[in-house]
Amino acid sequence: MALKSTITFGLVNIPVSLNPVIKNNDTSFNYLHKKCLNRISYLKYCNHCKKEVKNNELIKGYEYSTDKYVTFDDEDFEKLKTNEEKSLEIISFVDLNEVDPLYYEKSYYIKTDGKNKAFSLFKKALEKAKKVAVARTVLRDKTYYAIIRFNKSNLIMTTLYYEEEIKEIEEVVEEKFTEKEMDLALKLINSMEGTFNPDEYIDDYQEKIKDAIDKKIDGKTIKKAKSKKTISVKNLMDALEKSLKEAT
């Protein structure tokens, strides 16, 4: 479902919609009761009223003390948003290589209805400047910072994780290696050089699941998948030399 927003760029306001870039292609399964194979239902149940509760009867509550809550509904959250927060407010322009992909969260296509001169100008200006826009907005009751970039005639917005959301990793102690080992490692990398072609990358496991479903429907049994034979080479130099020999 597309989200409505507005790009604010100086005094320019551009009405846009945000459409998720990613779609889930995973095979969907339902949970069944093993005994009777009936589908399991997940009920929202109120222990106090002793009954099932419908979605339109739910509100959010913050527990400020044991069993004591202040409640919020959609209208309360909407009151907290300013006009600026409801829009994609551009706050700066930076080089894309300044933004570590580690911070990337979720991407959206940015579209506008019909012809829009301001939208076309903003998109072309981003392309020519070779910059990405850093924007601030609120999506589903959370403030996000995001980057907006030009990509193959489209504008893409990618929300970013906050610094405190990124886990720190302990510094790795570097091991010593010889110049020959480095030379072999570089030769191995060069021998495996290629181009990034995502259309060639196939989810083999999902293909196996779909094939297994067809076999199950036809009453056939699933055979264990064959694994590639792995050769363990403990000596690093030997492993590099043998890998290079197989790659060339």
C-alpha atoms as a PDB file:
ATOM      1  CA  MET A   1       0.000   0.000   0.000  1.00  0.00           C
ATOM      2  CA  ALA A   2       1.411   3.382  -1.060  1.00  0.00           C
ATOM      3  CA  LEU A   3       2.064   6.035   1.587  1.00  0.00           C
ATOM      4  CA  LYS A   4       1.227   9.664   0.777  1.00  0.00           C
ATOM      5  CA  SER A   5       3.794  12.367   1.533  1.00  0.00           C
ATOM      6  CA  THR A   6       5.263  15.648   0.285  1.00  0.00           C
ATOM      7  CA  ILE A   7       8.866  16.462  -0.578  1.00  0.00           C
ATOM      8  CA  THR A   8       9.723  19.885   0.861  1.00  0.00           C
ATOM      9  CA  PHE A   9      12.758  21.364  -0.873  1.00  0.00           C
ATOM     10  CA  GLY A  10      13.303  24.970   0.217  1.00  0.00           C
ATOM     11  CA  LEU A  11       9.949  26.615  -0.537  1.00  0.00           C
ATOM     12  CA  VAL A  12       9.062  23.935  -3.108  1.00  0.00           C
ATOM     13  CA  ASN A  13       6.446  21.331  -2.133  1.00  0.00           C
ATOM     14  CA  ILE A  14       6.044  18.184  -4.243  1.00  0.00           C
ATOM     15  CA  PRO A  15       3.160  15.767  -3.493  1.00  0.00           C
ATOM     16  CA  VAL A  16       4.425  12.178  -3.789  1.00  0.00           C
ATOM     17  CA  SER A  17       3.600   8.588  -2.881  1.00  0.00           C
ATOM     18  CA  LEU A  18       5.996   6.052  -1.378  1.00  0.00           C
ATOM     19  CA  ASN A  19       5.797   2.519  -2.768  1.00  0.00           C
ATOM     20  CA  PRO A  20       7.835  -0.329  -1.213  1.00  0.00           C
ATOM     21  CA  VAL A  21      10.618  -1.559  -3.508  1.00  0.00           C
ATOM     22  CA  ILE A  22      10.741  -5.057  -2.020  1.00  0.00           C
ATOM     23  CA  LYS A  23       8.053  -7.715  -2.332  1.00  0.00           C
ATOM     24  CA  ASN A  24       8.086 -10.966  -0.414  1.00  0.00           C
ATOM     25  CA  ASN A  25       8.453 -13.957  -2.746  1.00  0.00           C
ATOM     26  CA  ASP A  26       8.814 -16.559   0.004  1.00  0.00           C
ATOM     27  CA  THR A  27       6.448 -19.521  -0.165  1.00  0.00           C
ATOM     28  CA  SER A  28       3.712 -18.987   2.411  1.00  0.00           C
ATOM     29  CA  PHE A  29       2.791 -21.757   4.838  1.00  0.00           C
ATOM     30  CA  ASN A  30      -0.035 -21.981   7.389  1.00  0.00           C
ATOM     31  CA  TYR A  31       0.244 -23.610  10.800  1.00  0.00           C
ATOM     32  CA  LEU A  32      -2.012 -26.652  11.195  1.00  0.00           C
ATOM     33  CA  HIS A  33      -2.939 -28.816  14.148  1.00  0.00           C
ATOM     34  CA  LYS A  34      -0.825 -31.949  13.603  1.00  0.00           C
ATOM     35  CA  LYS A  35      -3.601 -34.213  14.911  1.00  0.00           C
ATOM     36  CA  CYS A  36      -6.488 -33.095  12.649  1.00  0.00           C
ATOM     37  CA  LEU A  37      -4.751 -30.833  10.074  1.00  0.00           C
ATOM     38  CA  ASN A  38      -7.115 -27.940  10.795  1.00  0.00           C
ATOM     39  CA  ARG A  39      -5.709 -24.422  10.430  1.00  0.00           C
ATOM     40  CA  ILE A  40      -4.719 -22.682  13.658  1.00  0.00           C
ATOM     41  CA  SER A  41      -6.375 -19.349  14.486  1.00  0.00           C
ATOM     42  CA  TYR A  42      -4.729 -16.598  16.517  1.00  0.00           C
ATOM     43  CA  LEU A  43      -7.259 -14.886  18.743  1.00  0.00           C
ATOM     44  CA  LYS A  44      -6.958 -11.545  20.530  1.00  0.00           C
ATOM     45  CA  TYR A  45      -8.423 -12.422  23.911  1.00  0.00           C
ATOM     46  CA  CYS A  46      -9.189 -10.228  26.916  1.00  0.00           C
ATOM     47  CA  ASN A  47      -8.626 -12.122  30.175  1.00  0.00           C
ATOM     48  CA  HIS A  48     -10.660  -9.552  32.120  1.00  0.00           C
ATOM     49  CA  CYS A  49     -13.762  -9.609  29.911  1.00  0.00           C
ATOM     50  CA  LYS A  50     -13.314 -13.292  29.065  1.00  0.00           C
ATOM     51  CA  LYS A  51     -13.974 -12.779  25.372  1.00  0.00           C
ATOM     52  CA  GLU A  52     -12.330 -12.350  21.982  1.00  0.00           C
ATOM     53  CA  VAL A  53     -11.559  -8.748  21.019  1.00  0.00           C
ATOM     54  CA  LYS A  54     -11.878  -7.348  17.477  1.00  0.00           C
ATOM     55  CA  ASN A  55      -9.233  -5.092  15.902  1.00  0.00           C
ATOM     56  CA  ASN A  56     -11.484  -2.016  16.027  1.00  0.00           C
ATOM     57  CA  GLU A  57     -11.718  -2.439  19.804  1.00  0.00           C
ATOM     58  CA  LEU A  58      -7.958  -2.170  20.330  1.00  0.00           C
ATOM     59  CA  ILE A  59      -5.973   0.863  21.465  1.00  0.00           C
ATOM     60  CA  LYS A  60      -2.334   1.226  22.511  1.00  0.00           C
ATOM     61  CA  GLY A  61      -1.379   1.597  26.154  1.00  0.00           C
ATOM     62  CA  TYR A  62       1.852   2.602  27.896  1.00  0.00           C
ATOM     63  CA  GLU A  63       2.420   0.952  31.294  1.00  0.00           C
ATOM     64  CA  TYR A  64       3.816   3.760  33.481  1.00  0.00           C
ATOM     65  CA  SER A  65       3.319   1.746  36.692  1.00  0.00           C
ATOM     66  CA  THR A  66       2.342  -1.861  37.436  1.00  0.00           C
ATOM     67  CA  ASP A  67      -1.013  -2.484  35.691  1.00  0.00           C
ATOM     68  CA  LYS A  68      -1.539   1.256  35.177  1.00  0.00           C
ATOM     69  CA  TYR A  69      -1.698   2.586  31.637  1.00  0.00           C
ATOM     70  CA  VAL A  70      -2.128   5.777  29.666  1.00  0.00           C
ATOM     71  CA  THR A  71      -3.862   5.047  26.374  1.00  0.00           C
ATOM     72  CA  PHE A  72      -3.277   6.345  22.842  1.00  0.00           C
ATOM     73  CA  ASP A  73      -5.402   5.993  19.723  1.00  0.00           C
ATOM     74  CA  ASP A  74      -4.581   6.932  16.111  1.00  0.00           C
ATOM     75  CA  GLU A  75      -5.937  10.445  16.610  1.00  0.00           C
ATOM     76  CA  ASP A  76      -3.575  11.032  19.556  1.00  0.00           C
ATOM     77  CA  PHE A  77      -0.534  10.044  17.501  1.00  0.00           C
ATOM     78  CA  GLU A  78      -1.696  12.223  14.600  1.00  0.00           C
ATOM     79  CA  LYS A  79      -1.943  15.260  16.911  1.00  0.00           C
ATOM     80  CA  LEU A  80       1.746  14.894  17.773  1.00  0.00           C
ATOM     81  CA  LYS A  81       2.845  15.286  14.151  1.00  0.00           C
ATOM     82  CA  THR A  82       3.638  18.713  12.720  1.00  0.00           C
ATOM     83  CA  ASN A  83       3.209  19.460   9.025  1.00  0.00           C
ATOM     84  CA  GLU A  84       6.985  19.166   8.642  1.00  0.00           C
ATOM     85  CA  GLU A  85       6.993  15.664  10.108  1.00  0.00           C
ATOM     86  CA  LYS A  86       4.240  14.556   7.733  1.00  0.00           C
ATOM     87  CA  SER A  87       6.450  15.527   4.784  1.00  0.00           C
ATOM     88  CA  LEU A  88       9.837  14.450   3.457  1.00  0.00           C
ATOM     89  CA  GLU A  89      11.797  17.470   4.659  1.00  0.00           C
ATOM     90  CA  ILE A  90      15.130  17.780   2.824  1.00  0.00           C
ATOM     91  CA  ILE A  91      17.813  18.829   5.323  1.00  0.00           C
ATOM     92  CA  SER A  92      21.040  18.427   3.321  1.00  0.00           C
ATOM     93  CA  PHE A  93      22.725  16.947   0.251  1.00  0.00           C
ATOM     94  CA  VAL A  94      25.691  14.583   0.579  1.00  0.00           C
ATOM     95  CA  ASP A  95      27.788  12.197  -1.508  1.00  0.00           C
ATOM     96  CA  LEU A  96      26.333   8.687  -1.601  1.00  0.00           C
ATOM     97  CA  ASN A  97      29.651   7.118  -0.608  1.00  0.00           C
ATOM     98  CA  GLU A  98      29.437   9.003   2.708  1.00  0.00           C
ATOM     99  CA  VAL A  99      26.488   6.817   3.744  1.00  0.00           C
ATOM    100  CA  ASP A 100      27.578   3.358   4.892  1.00  0.00           C
ATOM    101  CA  PRO A 101      25.131   0.701   3.523  1.00  0.00           C
ATOM    102  CA  LEU A 102      25.128  -0.662   7.080  1.00  0.00           C
ATOM    103  CA  TYR A 103      22.576   2.069   7.853  1.00  0.00           C
ATOM    104  CA  TYR A 104      20.152   1.121   5.034  1.00  0.00           C
ATOM    105  CA  GLU A 105      16.795  -0.126   6.298  1.00  0.00           C
ATOM    106  CA  LYS A 106      13.870  -0.136   3.823  1.00  0.00           C
ATOM    107  CA  SER A 107      13.552   1.326   0.316  1.00  0.00           C
ATOM    108  CA  TYR A 108      10.599   2.953  -1.457  1.00  0.00           C
ATOM    109  CA  TYR A 109       9.974   4.156  -5.000  1.00  0.00           C
ATOM    110  CA  ILE A 110       8.962   7.821  -4.938  1.00  0.00           C
ATOM    111  CA  LYS A 111       6.251   8.605  -7.478  1.00  0.00           C
ATOM    112  CA  THR A 112       4.026  11.562  -8.285  1.00  0.00           C
ATOM    113  CA  ASP A 113       0.584  11.639  -9.887  1.00  0.00           C
ATOM    114  CA  GLY A 114       0.591  12.713 -13.515  1.00  0.00           C
ATOM    115  CA  LYS A 115       3.004  15.353 -14.798  1.00  0.00           C
ATOM    116  CA  ASN A 116       4.804  17.436 -12.193  1.00  0.00           C
ATOM    117  CA  LYS A 117       7.464  19.932 -13.287  1.00  0.00           C
ATOM    118  CA  ALA A 118       8.907  20.353  -9.779  1.00  0.00           C
ATOM    119  CA  PHE A 119       9.276  16.584  -9.361  1.00  0.00           C
ATOM    120  CA  SER A 120      11.027  16.219 -12.745  1.00  0.00           C
ATOM    121  CA  LEU A 121      13.341  19.142 -11.944  1.00  0.00           C
ATOM    122  CA  PHE A 122      14.251  17.777  -8.501  1.00  0.00           C
ATOM    123  CA  LYS A 123      14.965  14.321  -9.944  1.00  0.00           C
ATOM    124  CA  LYS A 124      17.139  15.698 -12.778  1.00  0.00           C
ATOM    125  CA  ALA A 125      18.986  18.041 -10.409  1.00  0.00           C
ATOM    126  CA  LEU A 126      19.877  15.118  -8.124  1.00  0.00           C
ATOM    127  CA  GLU A 127      21.200  13.188 -11.123  1.00  0.00           C
ATOM    128  CA  LYS A 128      23.332  16.099 -12.378  1.00  0.00           C
ATOM    129  CA  ALA A 129      24.637  17.058  -8.917  1.00  0.00           C
ATOM    130  CA  LYS A 130      25.605  13.431  -8.263  1.00  0.00           C
ATOM    131  CA  LYS A 131      24.338  13.886  -4.719  1.00  0.00           C
ATOM    132  CA  VAL A 132      21.756  12.218  -2.497  1.00  0.00           C
ATOM    133  CA  ALA A 133      19.271  14.148  -0.385  1.00  0.00           C
ATOM    134  CA  VAL A 134      19.087  13.510   3.335  1.00  0.00           C
ATOM    135  CA  ALA A 135      15.479  13.845   4.498  1.00  0.00           C
ATOM    136  CA  ARG A 136      13.537  13.634   7.732  1.00  0.00           C
ATOM    137  CA  THR A 137       9.987  12.276   8.047  1.00  0.00           C
ATOM    138  CA  VAL A 138       7.586  10.307  10.237  1.00  0.00           C
ATOM    139  CA  LEU A 139       6.353   6.911   9.069  1.00  0.00           C
ATOM    140  CA  ARG A 140       3.981   4.827  11.189  1.00  0.00           C
ATOM    141  CA  ASP A 141       4.614   6.697  14.446  1.00  0.00           C
ATOM    142  CA  LYS A 142       8.414   6.767  14.151  1.00  0.00           C
ATOM    143  CA  THR A 143      10.766   9.538  13.030  1.00  0.00           C
ATOM    144  CA  TYR A 144      13.084   8.414  10.244  1.00  0.00           C
ATOM    145  CA  TYR A 145      16.046   9.938   8.512  1.00  0.00           C
ATOM    146  CA  ALA A 146      16.356   8.766   4.926  1.00  0.00           C
ATOM    147  CA  ILE A 147      18.319   9.308   1.761  1.00  0.00           C
ATOM    148  CA  ILE A 148      16.669  10.107  -1.576  1.00  0.00           C
ATOM    149  CA  ARG A 149      18.692   9.160  -4.638  1.00  0.00           C
ATOM    150  CA  PHE A 150      18.355   9.012  -8.407  1.00  0.00           C
ATOM    151  CA  ASN A 151      18.358   5.468  -9.800  1.00  0.00           C
ATOM    152  CA  LYS A 152      17.606   4.462 -13.394  1.00  0.00           C
ATOM    153  CA  SER A 153      15.130   7.311 -14.029  1.00  0.00           C
ATOM    154  CA  ASN A 154      13.465   6.739 -10.645  1.00  0.00           C
ATOM    155  CA  LEU A 155      13.747   8.370  -7.246  1.00  0.00           C
ATOM    156  CA  ILE A 156      14.409   5.928  -4.411  1.00  0.00           C
ATOM    157  CA  MET A 157      13.988   6.732  -0.732  1.00  0.00           C
ATOM    158  CA  THR A 158      15.833   4.500   1.736  1.00  0.00           C
ATOM    159  CA  THR A 159      15.126   4.868   5.435  1.00  0.00           C
ATOM    160  CA  LEU A 160      18.159   4.711   7.702  1.00  0.00           C
ATOM    161  CA  TYR A 161      18.844   3.036  11.024  1.00  0.00           C
ATOM    162  CA  TYR A 162      19.899   5.305  13.866  1.00  0.00           C
ATOM    163  CA  GLU A 163      23.451   5.114  15.184  1.00  0.00           C
ATOM    164  CA  GLU A 164      22.214   3.561  18.455  1.00  0.00           C
ATOM    165  CA  GLU A 165      20.427   0.806  16.505  1.00  0.00           C
ATOM    166  CA  ILE A 166      23.697  -0.460  15.012  1.00  0.00           C
ATOM    167  CA  LYS A 167      25.422  -3.045  17.171  1.00  0.00           C
ATOM    168  CA  GLU A 168      29.068  -2.412  17.890  1.00  0.00           C
ATOM    169  CA  ILE A 169      31.438  -5.204  16.910  1.00  0.00           C
ATOM    170  CA  GLU A 170      34.585  -5.871  18.867  1.00  0.00           C
ATOM    171  CA  GLU A 171      37.771  -4.964  17.036  1.00  0.00           C
ATOM    172  CA  VAL A 172      39.264  -7.968  15.275  1.00  0.00           C
ATOM    173  CA  VAL A 173      42.920  -8.721  15.978  1.00  0.00           C
ATOM    174  CA  GLU A 174      44.730  -8.820  12.629  1.00  0.00           C
ATOM    175  CA  GLU A 175      46.763 -11.958  11.981  1.00  0.00           C
ATOM    176  CA  LYS A 176      50.144 -11.774  10.253  1.00  0.00           C
ATOM    177  CA  PHE A 177      50.506 -13.173   6.735  1.00  0.00           C
ATOM    178  CA  THR A 178      53.289 -13.359   4.169  1.00  0.00           C
ATOM    179  CA  GLU A 179      53.601 -11.338   0.973  1.00  0.00           C
ATOM    180  CA  LYS A 180      53.195 -14.552  -1.018  1.00  0.00           C
ATOM    181  CA  GLU A 181      49.915 -15.331   0.724  1.00  0.00           C
ATOM    182  CA  MET A 182      48.659 -11.827  -0.082  1.00  0.00           C
ATOM    183  CA  ASP A 183      49.796 -12.202  -3.695  1.00  0.00           C
ATOM    184  CA  LEU A 184      47.895 -15.493  -4.048  1.00  0.00           C
ATOM    185  CA  ALA A 185      44.784 -13.999  -2.399  1.00  0.00           C
ATOM    186  CA  LEU A 186      44.806 -11.074  -4.856  1.00  0.00           C
ATOM    187  CA  LYS A 187      45.307 -13.416  -7.818  1.00  0.00           C
ATOM    188  CA  LEU A 188      42.367 -15.521  -6.618  1.00  0.00           C
ATOM    189  CA  ILE A 189      40.170 -12.404  -6.344  1.00  0.00           C
ATOM    190  CA  ASN A 190      41.188 -11.256  -9.846  1.00  0.00           C
ATOM    191  CA  SER A 191      40.517 -14.727 -11.294  1.00  0.00           C
ATOM    192  CA  MET A 192      36.960 -14.602  -9.902  1.00  0.00           C
ATOM    193  CA  GLU A 193      36.225 -11.047 -11.063  1.00  0.00           C
ATOM    194  CA  GLY A 194      32.801 -10.569 -12.598  1.00  0.00           C
ATOM    195  CA  THR A 195      29.888  -8.136 -12.897  1.00  0.00           C
ATOM    196  CA  PHE A 196      26.922  -7.687 -10.569  1.00  0.00           C
ATOM    197  CA  ASN A 197      23.912  -9.261 -12.346  1.00  0.00           C
ATOM    198  CA  PRO A 198      21.102  -9.676  -9.773  1.00  0.00           C
ATOM    199  CA  ASP A 199      18.749 -11.137 -12.404  1.00  0.00           C
ATOM    200  CA  GLU A 200      21.033 -14.184 -12.504  1.00  0.00           C
ATOM    201  CA  TYR A 201      20.749 -14.824  -8.767  1.00  0.00           C
ATOM    202  CA  ILE A 202      18.054 -17.422  -8.060  1.00  0.00           C
ATOM    203  CA  ASP A 203      16.641 -18.482  -4.700  1.00  0.00           C
ATOM    204  CA  ASP A 204      17.419 -22.187  -5.120  1.00  0.00           C
ATOM    205  CA  TYR A 205      15.925 -23.100  -1.756  1.00  0.00           C
ATOM    206  CA  GLN A 206      12.532 -21.565  -2.639  1.00  0.00           C
ATOM    207  CA  GLU A 207      12.609 -23.445  -5.950  1.00  0.00           C
ATOM    208  CA  LYS A 208      13.197 -26.679  -4.019  1.00  0.00           C
ATOM    209  CA  ILE A 209      10.267 -25.886  -1.702  1.00  0.00           C
ATOM    210  CA  LYS A 210       7.916 -25.277  -4.650  1.00  0.00           C
ATOM    211  CA  ASP A 211       9.080 -28.510  -6.282  1.00  0.00           C
ATOM    212  CA  ALA A 212       8.546 -30.367  -2.981  1.00  0.00           C
ATOM    213  CA  ILE A 213       4.999 -28.955  -2.745  1.00  0.00           C
ATOM    214  CA  ASP A 214       4.192 -30.294  -6.236  1.00  0.00           C
ATOM    215  CA  LYS A 215       5.635 -33.692  -5.288  1.00  0.00           C
ATOM    216  CA  LYS A 216       3.578 -33.780  -2.065  1.00  0.00           C
ATOM    217  CA  ILE A 217       0.402 -32.905  -3.992  1.00  0.00           C
ATOM    218  CA  ASP A 218       1.135 -35.783  -6.400  1.00  0.00           C
ATOM    219  CA  GLY A 219       1.709 -38.143  -3.472  1.00  0.00           C
ATOM    220  CA  LYS A 220       5.437 -38.487  -4.106  1.00  0.00           C
ATOM    221  CA  THR A 221       8.127 -38.563  -1.443  1.00  0.00           C
ATOM    222  CA  ILE A 222      10.807 -35.920  -1.033  1.00  0.00           C
ATOM    223  CA  LYS A 223      14.351 -37.119  -1.546  1.00  0.00           C
ATOM    224  CA  LYS A 224      17.217 -35.677   0.476  1.00  0.00           C
ATOM    225  CA  ALA A 225      19.049 -32.953  -1.445  1.00  0.00           C
ATOM    226  CA  LYS A 226      22.582 -33.759  -2.521  1.00  0.00           C
ATOM    227  CA  SER A 227      25.285 -31.612  -0.938  1.00  0.00           C
ATOM    228  CA  LYS A 228      28.446 -30.542  -2.699  1.00  0.00           C
ATOM    229  CA  LYS A 229      31.524 -32.414  -1.587  1.00  0.00           C
ATOM    230  CA  THR A 230      33.753 -30.094   0.406  1.00  0.00           C
ATOM    231  CA  ILE A 231      37.497 -30.509   0.691  1.00  0.00           C
ATOM    232  CA  SER A 232      39.095 -29.217   3.860  1.00  0.00           C
ATOM    233  CA  VAL A 233      42.624 -27.845   3.440  1.00  0.00           C
ATOM    234  CA  LYS A 234      44.178 -26.800   6.741  1.00  0.00           C
ATOM    235  CA  ASN A 235      47.283 -25.125   5.353  1.00  0.00           C
ATOM    236  CA  LEU A 236      46.404 -21.599   4.136  1.00  0.00           C
ATOM    237  CA  MET A 237      49.042 -21.550   1.385  1.00  0.00           C
ATOM    238  CA  ASP A 238      47.890 -24.921   0.025  1.00  0.00           C
ATOM    239  CA  ALA A 239      44.246 -23.783   0.153  1.00  0.00           C
ATOM    240  CA  LEU A 240      45.023 -20.603  -1.808  1.00  0.00           C
ATOM    241  CA  GLU A 241      47.105 -22.421  -4.431  1.00  0.00           C
ATOM    242  CA  LYS A 242      44.482 -25.138  -4.975  1.00  0.00           C
ATOM    243  CA  SER A 243      41.667 -22.573  -5.120  1.00  0.00           C
ATOM    244  CA  LEU A 244      43.549 -20.516  -7.713  1.00  0.00           C
ATOM    245  CA  LYS A 245      44.252 -23.653  -9.767  1.00  0.00           C
ATOM    246  CA  GLU A 246      40.515 -24.563  -9.804  1.00  0.00           C
ATOM    247  CA  ALA A 247      39.459 -21.018 -10.655  1.00  0.00           C
ATOM    248  CA  THR A 248      41.778 -20.718 -13.685  1.00  0.00           C
END
